[in-house]
Each structure stands twice: as structure tokens, then as C-alpha cells.
N, C-alpha and C. Protein backbone atom coordinates (compact mmCIF):
# COMPACT_ATOMS: atom_id res chain seq x y z
N MET A 1 94.65 131.69 110.48
CA MET A 1 94.38 130.92 111.57
C MET A 1 95.55 129.93 110.99
N THR A 2 95.98 129.40 112.25
CA THR A 2 96.67 128.28 112.21
C THR A 2 96.07 126.67 112.11
N ASP A 3 96.77 125.96 111.63
CA ASP A 3 96.50 124.33 111.68
C ASP A 3 96.48 123.60 112.62
N THR A 4 95.55 123.31 113.39
CA THR A 4 95.48 122.42 114.71
C THR A 4 96.30 121.15 114.32
N PRO A 5 97.40 120.96 115.19
CA PRO A 5 97.84 119.33 115.14
C PRO A 5 96.56 118.08 115.83
N ALA A 6 97.03 117.41 114.39
CA ALA A 6 96.09 116.24 114.74
C ALA A 6 96.73 115.64 116.29
N GLU A 7 95.64 115.25 117.14
CA GLU A 7 95.67 114.03 118.34
C GLU A 7 96.58 113.01 117.74
N PRO A 8 97.41 112.49 118.40
CA PRO A 8 98.38 111.31 117.89
C PRO A 8 97.31 109.97 118.13
N ASP A 9 97.42 109.52 117.26
CA ASP A 9 96.66 107.88 117.39
C ASP A 9 97.23 107.37 118.29
N LEU A 10 96.32 106.00 118.82
CA LEU A 10 96.45 105.44 120.09
C LEU A 10 97.33 104.35 119.68
N ASP A 11 98.14 103.90 118.69
CA ASP A 11 99.25 103.14 118.67
C ASP A 11 100.39 104.35 119.25
N SER A 12 100.78 105.63 118.48
CA SER A 12 102.02 105.93 118.82
C SER A 12 101.62 106.92 120.42
N LEU A 13 100.15 106.87 120.74
CA LEU A 13 100.40 106.98 122.63
C LEU A 13 100.45 105.93 122.86
N GLN A 14 100.39 104.79 122.54
CA GLN A 14 100.35 103.57 123.42
C GLN A 14 102.14 103.02 123.65
N ALA A 15 103.09 103.73 122.23
CA ALA A 15 104.61 103.51 122.06
C ALA A 15 105.03 104.46 122.78
N LEU A 16 104.69 105.69 123.28
CA LEU A 16 105.27 107.00 123.91
C LEU A 16 105.27 106.31 125.51
N ASP A 17 106.78 105.95 126.29
CA ASP A 17 107.33 105.78 127.07
C ASP A 17 107.09 106.87 128.42
N THR A 18 106.08 106.05 129.18
CA THR A 18 105.86 107.15 129.79
C THR A 18 105.62 106.74 131.55
N THR A 19 105.60 107.08 132.27
CA THR A 19 105.89 106.52 133.61
C THR A 19 104.38 106.68 134.43
N HIS A 20 103.94 106.39 135.48
CA HIS A 20 102.91 106.01 135.94
C HIS A 20 102.94 106.71 137.66
N ASP A 21 102.74 108.09 137.57
CA ASP A 21 103.53 108.65 138.91
C ASP A 21 102.04 109.63 139.65
N ALA A 22 102.22 109.15 140.85
CA ALA A 22 101.29 109.64 142.14
C ALA A 22 101.60 110.78 142.51
N PHE A 23 100.71 111.84 142.94
CA PHE A 23 101.01 113.24 143.54
C PHE A 23 100.07 113.27 144.64
N LEU A 24 100.15 114.43 145.81
CA LEU A 24 99.33 114.43 146.98
C LEU A 24 99.37 112.93 147.35
N GLY A 25 99.78 112.24 147.98
CA GLY A 25 99.76 111.36 148.73
C GLY A 25 99.38 110.05 147.74
N GLY A 26 98.81 109.59 146.65
CA GLY A 26 98.13 108.89 145.91
C GLY A 26 96.99 109.14 145.55
N LYS A 27 96.30 110.94 146.19
CA LYS A 27 95.10 110.89 145.58
C LYS A 27 95.23 111.80 144.07
N VAL A 28 95.69 111.42 143.24
CA VAL A 28 96.44 112.30 141.92
C VAL A 28 97.27 110.82 141.06
N HIS A 29 96.80 110.94 140.37
CA HIS A 29 97.94 109.66 139.22
C HIS A 29 97.73 110.43 138.00
N VAL A 30 98.81 110.34 137.16
CA VAL A 30 99.24 111.09 136.09
C VAL A 30 100.22 110.34 135.57
N TYR A 31 99.77 110.04 133.99
CA TYR A 31 100.55 109.47 133.07
C TYR A 31 101.93 110.66 132.53
N GLN A 32 102.57 110.76 132.51
CA GLN A 32 103.63 111.37 131.92
C GLN A 32 105.04 110.51 131.03
N PRO A 33 104.82 111.26 129.79
CA PRO A 33 106.62 111.39 129.15
C PRO A 33 107.60 111.00 130.15
N ARG A 34 108.25 109.73 130.06
CA ARG A 34 109.47 109.29 130.90
C ARG A 34 110.84 110.38 130.84
N LYS A 35 111.00 111.06 129.30
CA LYS A 35 111.92 111.98 128.92
C LYS A 35 111.56 112.78 127.16
N GLY A 36 111.90 113.53 126.85
CA GLY A 36 111.91 114.16 125.77
C GLY A 36 111.11 115.44 126.06
N ARG A 37 110.23 115.46 127.19
CA ARG A 37 109.21 116.54 126.93
C ARG A 37 109.18 117.16 128.78
N HIS A 38 108.75 118.05 129.23
CA HIS A 38 108.63 118.60 130.62
C HIS A 38 107.75 117.56 131.13
N ARG A 39 108.51 117.04 132.58
CA ARG A 39 107.80 116.32 133.65
C ARG A 39 107.58 117.01 134.99
N ALA A 40 106.00 116.54 135.11
CA ALA A 40 105.72 117.36 136.26
C ALA A 40 106.22 117.06 137.45
N GLY A 41 106.67 117.61 138.60
CA GLY A 41 106.89 117.24 139.71
C GLY A 41 106.67 118.05 140.70
N LEU A 42 107.03 118.20 142.26
CA LEU A 42 106.55 119.18 142.68
C LEU A 42 106.28 121.00 142.40
N ASP A 43 106.24 120.87 141.49
CA ASP A 43 106.47 122.42 141.14
C ASP A 43 104.41 122.63 140.08
N ALA A 44 104.20 121.30 139.51
CA ALA A 44 102.68 121.14 139.74
C ALA A 44 101.82 121.11 141.20
N VAL A 45 102.25 120.80 142.30
CA VAL A 45 101.89 120.42 143.84
C VAL A 45 101.82 121.58 143.81
N TYR A 46 103.12 122.31 143.78
CA TYR A 46 103.34 123.70 144.42
C TYR A 46 102.11 124.48 144.05
N LEU A 47 102.06 124.20 142.76
CA LEU A 47 101.30 125.42 141.88
C LEU A 47 99.60 124.99 142.72
N ALA A 48 99.32 124.07 142.44
CA ALA A 48 97.82 123.79 142.92
C ALA A 48 97.69 124.48 144.25
N ALA A 49 99.05 123.74 145.58
CA ALA A 49 98.76 124.29 146.19
C ALA A 49 98.78 125.77 147.19
N ALA A 50 99.02 126.69 145.54
CA ALA A 50 99.22 128.29 145.93
C ALA A 50 97.40 128.75 145.90
N LEU A 51 96.51 128.14 145.52
CA LEU A 51 94.94 128.14 145.46
C LEU A 51 94.81 127.94 146.83
N PRO A 52 94.42 129.34 147.67
CA PRO A 52 93.99 128.94 149.09
C PRO A 52 92.65 127.90 149.22
N ASP A 53 92.61 126.97 150.45
CA ASP A 53 91.56 126.37 150.82
C ASP A 53 90.58 127.20 151.01
N GLY A 54 89.06 126.30 150.12
CA GLY A 54 87.67 127.14 150.13
C GLY A 54 88.16 127.46 148.73
N THR A 55 88.92 128.09 147.90
CA THR A 55 88.66 128.26 146.58
C THR A 55 87.40 127.68 145.60
N LYS A 56 86.66 128.35 145.26
CA LYS A 56 85.64 128.26 144.78
C LYS A 56 85.66 128.85 142.76
N GLY A 57 84.91 127.95 142.18
CA GLY A 57 84.84 128.61 141.10
C GLY A 57 85.64 127.83 139.60
N HIS A 58 86.20 128.55 138.88
CA HIS A 58 87.26 127.96 137.71
C HIS A 58 88.37 128.03 137.07
N VAL A 59 88.96 127.45 137.98
CA VAL A 59 90.58 127.23 137.52
C VAL A 59 90.86 126.84 135.92
N VAL A 60 91.70 127.86 135.55
CA VAL A 60 91.90 127.69 134.11
C VAL A 60 93.82 127.55 133.96
N ASP A 61 94.32 126.39 133.55
CA ASP A 61 95.50 126.03 134.00
C ASP A 61 96.54 125.97 132.26
N LEU A 62 97.04 127.33 131.85
CA LEU A 62 97.27 127.68 131.04
C LEU A 62 98.50 127.04 130.68
N GLY A 63 99.27 125.93 129.68
CA GLY A 63 99.88 125.28 129.60
C GLY A 63 100.02 123.86 130.46
N SER A 64 99.05 123.68 130.29
CA SER A 64 98.94 122.56 131.41
C SER A 64 99.47 121.25 131.19
N GLY A 65 100.38 120.98 130.40
CA GLY A 65 100.90 119.75 129.60
C GLY A 65 100.00 118.80 130.16
N VAL A 66 100.36 117.52 130.77
CA VAL A 66 99.47 116.61 131.21
C VAL A 66 98.45 116.81 132.52
N GLY A 67 98.43 118.35 132.88
CA GLY A 67 97.64 118.18 133.77
C GLY A 67 97.48 117.97 134.93
N THR A 68 98.90 117.93 135.47
CA THR A 68 99.14 117.52 136.79
C THR A 68 98.50 118.51 137.77
N ALA A 69 99.15 119.88 137.37
CA ALA A 69 98.66 121.21 138.49
C ALA A 69 97.29 120.98 138.41
N GLY A 70 96.67 121.24 137.27
CA GLY A 70 94.90 121.24 137.30
C GLY A 70 94.35 119.86 138.24
N LEU A 71 94.62 118.74 138.25
CA LEU A 71 94.59 117.88 138.52
C LEU A 71 94.57 117.97 140.28
N CYS A 72 95.87 117.96 140.27
CA CYS A 72 95.79 118.24 142.04
C CYS A 72 95.09 119.26 142.29
N ALA A 73 94.75 120.50 141.49
CA ALA A 73 93.50 121.48 142.34
C ALA A 73 92.45 120.86 143.15
N ALA A 74 91.96 120.23 141.52
CA ALA A 74 90.45 119.81 141.28
C ALA A 74 90.63 118.46 142.54
N ALA A 75 91.64 117.98 143.12
CA ALA A 75 92.04 116.87 144.11
C ALA A 75 91.36 117.47 145.17
N ARG A 76 92.04 118.63 145.38
CA ARG A 76 92.34 118.98 147.21
C ARG A 76 90.66 120.13 147.50
N LEU A 77 90.37 120.26 146.09
CA LEU A 77 89.25 121.92 145.99
C LEU A 77 88.21 121.43 145.50
N PRO A 78 87.39 121.17 145.94
CA PRO A 78 85.84 120.23 145.76
C PRO A 78 85.14 121.27 144.83
N ASN A 79 85.48 122.47 145.22
CA ASN A 79 84.36 123.71 144.43
C ASN A 79 84.83 124.49 143.35
N VAL A 80 85.53 123.64 142.77
CA VAL A 80 86.45 124.21 141.80
C VAL A 80 86.26 123.08 140.22
N ASN A 81 86.10 123.93 139.35
CA ASN A 81 86.36 123.29 137.53
C ASN A 81 87.77 123.74 137.24
N VAL A 82 88.00 122.96 136.64
CA VAL A 82 89.21 123.09 135.75
C VAL A 82 89.16 122.73 134.31
N THR A 83 90.07 123.97 133.91
CA THR A 83 90.17 123.89 132.18
C THR A 83 91.84 123.40 132.05
N LEU A 84 92.05 122.40 131.24
CA LEU A 84 93.41 122.29 131.06
C LEU A 84 93.52 122.68 130.06
N VAL A 85 94.59 123.90 129.20
CA VAL A 85 94.60 124.14 128.13
C VAL A 85 96.16 124.18 127.71
N ASP A 86 96.36 123.61 126.53
CA ASP A 86 97.57 123.34 125.78
C ASP A 86 97.86 123.33 124.72
N VAL A 87 98.50 123.31 123.58
CA VAL A 87 98.31 122.94 122.44
C VAL A 87 99.59 121.88 121.92
N ASP A 88 100.01 121.22 122.63
CA ASP A 88 100.97 120.05 122.34
C ASP A 88 99.92 118.74 122.38
N PRO A 89 99.63 118.53 121.02
CA PRO A 89 98.79 116.95 120.67
C PRO A 89 99.18 116.13 121.82
N VAL A 90 100.02 115.42 122.41
CA VAL A 90 100.92 114.63 123.07
C VAL A 90 100.55 114.70 124.34
N ALA A 91 100.60 116.18 124.45
CA ALA A 91 100.42 116.09 126.11
C ALA A 91 98.71 116.44 126.53
N LEU A 92 98.08 116.70 125.73
CA LEU A 92 96.62 116.69 125.29
C LEU A 92 96.23 115.63 124.97
N ALA A 93 96.58 114.22 124.89
CA ALA A 93 96.17 113.39 124.91
C ALA A 93 96.47 112.27 126.13
N LEU A 94 97.41 112.64 126.88
CA LEU A 94 98.13 112.31 128.10
C LEU A 94 96.85 112.94 128.95
N ALA A 95 97.15 114.25 128.89
CA ALA A 95 95.85 114.82 129.90
C ALA A 95 94.48 114.34 129.62
N ARG A 96 93.71 113.83 128.62
CA ARG A 96 93.03 113.18 128.58
C ARG A 96 93.00 111.53 129.35
N ARG A 97 93.76 110.81 128.87
CA ARG A 97 93.96 109.66 129.56
C ARG A 97 94.26 110.05 131.39
N ASN A 98 94.80 110.76 131.62
CA ASN A 98 94.98 111.34 133.36
C ASN A 98 93.30 111.39 133.66
N ILE A 99 92.48 112.30 133.00
CA ILE A 99 91.13 112.52 133.61
C ILE A 99 90.46 111.17 133.53
N ASP A 100 90.41 110.31 132.76
CA ASP A 100 90.25 108.90 132.40
C ASP A 100 90.32 108.02 133.59
N GLU A 101 91.96 107.95 133.88
CA GLU A 101 92.70 106.94 134.69
C GLU A 101 91.52 107.32 136.11
N PRO A 102 91.20 105.79 136.14
CA PRO A 102 90.02 105.39 137.29
C PRO A 102 90.47 106.02 138.88
N SER A 103 91.97 106.03 139.34
CA SER A 103 92.19 106.55 140.14
C SER A 103 91.45 108.15 140.41
N ASN A 104 91.70 108.74 139.41
CA ASN A 104 91.26 109.85 139.18
C ASN A 104 89.22 110.46 139.41
N LYS A 105 88.85 109.22 139.94
CA LYS A 105 87.50 109.21 139.48
C LYS A 105 86.41 110.43 140.22
N ALA A 106 87.04 110.18 141.22
CA ALA A 106 86.54 111.61 142.62
C ALA A 106 86.56 112.70 141.55
N PHE A 107 87.23 113.33 141.32
CA PHE A 107 87.02 114.40 140.69
C PHE A 107 87.42 115.17 139.13
N ALA A 108 87.29 113.69 138.21
CA ALA A 108 87.45 114.05 136.82
C ALA A 108 86.12 114.24 135.86
N ASP A 109 85.16 114.44 136.90
CA ASP A 109 84.00 115.25 136.50
C ASP A 109 83.85 116.53 136.42
N ARG A 110 85.07 117.55 136.66
CA ARG A 110 85.02 118.94 137.00
C ARG A 110 86.44 119.03 136.45
N ILE A 111 86.75 118.30 135.46
CA ILE A 111 87.77 118.60 134.56
C ILE A 111 87.65 118.53 133.42
N LYS A 112 88.54 119.56 132.27
CA LYS A 112 88.02 119.37 130.72
C LYS A 112 89.10 119.94 130.28
N VAL A 113 89.70 119.39 128.77
CA VAL A 113 90.35 119.75 128.43
C VAL A 113 90.29 120.74 126.98
N MET A 114 91.09 121.70 126.71
CA MET A 114 90.85 122.79 125.70
C MET A 114 92.14 122.30 125.19
N ASP A 115 92.22 122.71 123.53
CA ASP A 115 93.08 122.85 122.82
C ASP A 115 93.16 124.30 122.18
N ALA A 116 94.31 124.71 123.12
CA ALA A 116 94.82 126.21 122.32
C ALA A 116 95.99 126.38 122.63
N ASP A 117 96.28 127.58 121.64
CA ASP A 117 97.38 128.18 121.93
C ASP A 117 97.07 129.30 122.21
N ILE A 118 97.48 129.84 123.40
CA ILE A 118 97.80 130.84 124.23
C ILE A 118 98.37 132.25 123.98
N THR A 119 99.55 131.37 122.79
CA THR A 119 100.40 132.87 122.48
C THR A 119 100.16 133.13 121.32
N ALA A 120 98.44 132.85 120.78
CA ALA A 120 98.31 132.95 119.59
C ALA A 120 97.58 134.73 119.69
N LYS A 121 97.37 134.96 118.44
CA LYS A 121 96.68 136.57 118.38
C LYS A 121 95.30 136.22 119.13
N GLY A 122 94.49 137.15 120.13
CA GLY A 122 93.39 137.13 120.40
C GLY A 122 91.93 136.45 119.51
N LYS A 123 92.08 137.16 118.32
CA LYS A 123 91.03 136.06 117.40
C LYS A 123 90.85 135.18 117.53
N ILE A 124 91.99 134.05 116.95
CA ILE A 124 92.70 133.29 117.04
C ILE A 124 91.88 132.11 118.55
N ARG A 125 92.72 133.16 119.26
CA ARG A 125 92.31 132.15 120.68
C ARG A 125 90.70 132.28 120.76
N HIS A 126 89.77 133.14 120.50
CA HIS A 126 88.95 133.35 121.15
C HIS A 126 87.91 132.07 120.43
N GLU A 127 88.47 132.33 118.88
CA GLU A 127 88.03 130.78 117.74
C GLU A 127 87.84 129.77 118.61
N THR A 128 89.02 129.54 119.23
CA THR A 128 89.27 128.05 119.75
C THR A 128 88.40 128.02 121.47
N GLY A 129 88.11 129.11 121.65
CA GLY A 129 87.45 128.62 122.66
C GLY A 129 87.77 129.40 124.06
N LEU A 130 88.84 129.84 123.84
CA LEU A 130 89.90 130.83 124.57
C LEU A 130 89.48 132.36 124.97
N THR A 131 88.95 132.60 125.84
CA THR A 131 88.39 133.91 126.19
C THR A 131 88.58 134.73 127.43
N SER A 132 88.51 135.76 127.57
CA SER A 132 88.56 136.21 128.82
C SER A 132 88.60 135.64 130.39
């Protein structure tokens, strides 16, 4: 089993240079790093839009980063629950911040975050809760 990276402390997260961006005409608000890591854009919106209207159930966003695609899916599909999965502690901390963002309150209760390495061996993935 590999060691799980420690979540960054609040001071280091606050020191991170971020932008506060709106998606879906302002229905979704996301904090993301200004540079140095992947930045979500229309790719996340298109990914969420690929889910047909009326989709129900559980959506798992593997490699979710700060959660933009999953948040967009939850914003447009009221009958889905979303799990954001990533291994990057900074991205996960920002994903949690994005779920707590007041602008995302309408759908935030349907989103959870999971710290898991999707490239790990099956036993390790299962131990973190990432199963079929």
C-alpha cells in the first residue's frame, strides 16, 4: 500500500494563486490554480454535457482535479450524485472548497470527494473505497 499524501494545510492552500471561474452561465463556480496544474475550461463543460438529459444515478469523475466536470454534471442533472476522485491533495482540497462555495449550494449535497489513485493495483483501489 502506498502512503496517502497529506492534505495541504489551510495556509498553503490560501497561498496558492487561484482564479475563481464561472461555468454554465454562472451556475457553477470553481476555484482552480492560475498556473502550474491543469486548468478546467470548456473540456469539463463538454464532458458534463455528454451525459444525456434525464440521466439518473451515480456519476464518478475519475481524475476529477478541482471537480469542474462533476460540478457541472450535478448542476445540470438534478437526479445524479457525483463522486470526484483524484490523488492530488491540492486538487482535492480545491474540490472540497468548490463544493463548499456558496454559489454551488443548490447541488453541493449530491457531491462527495474520494482520495484514490485510479492507477493503483486493484487491492489498493478497493482499500480506498474505489470499487467496480
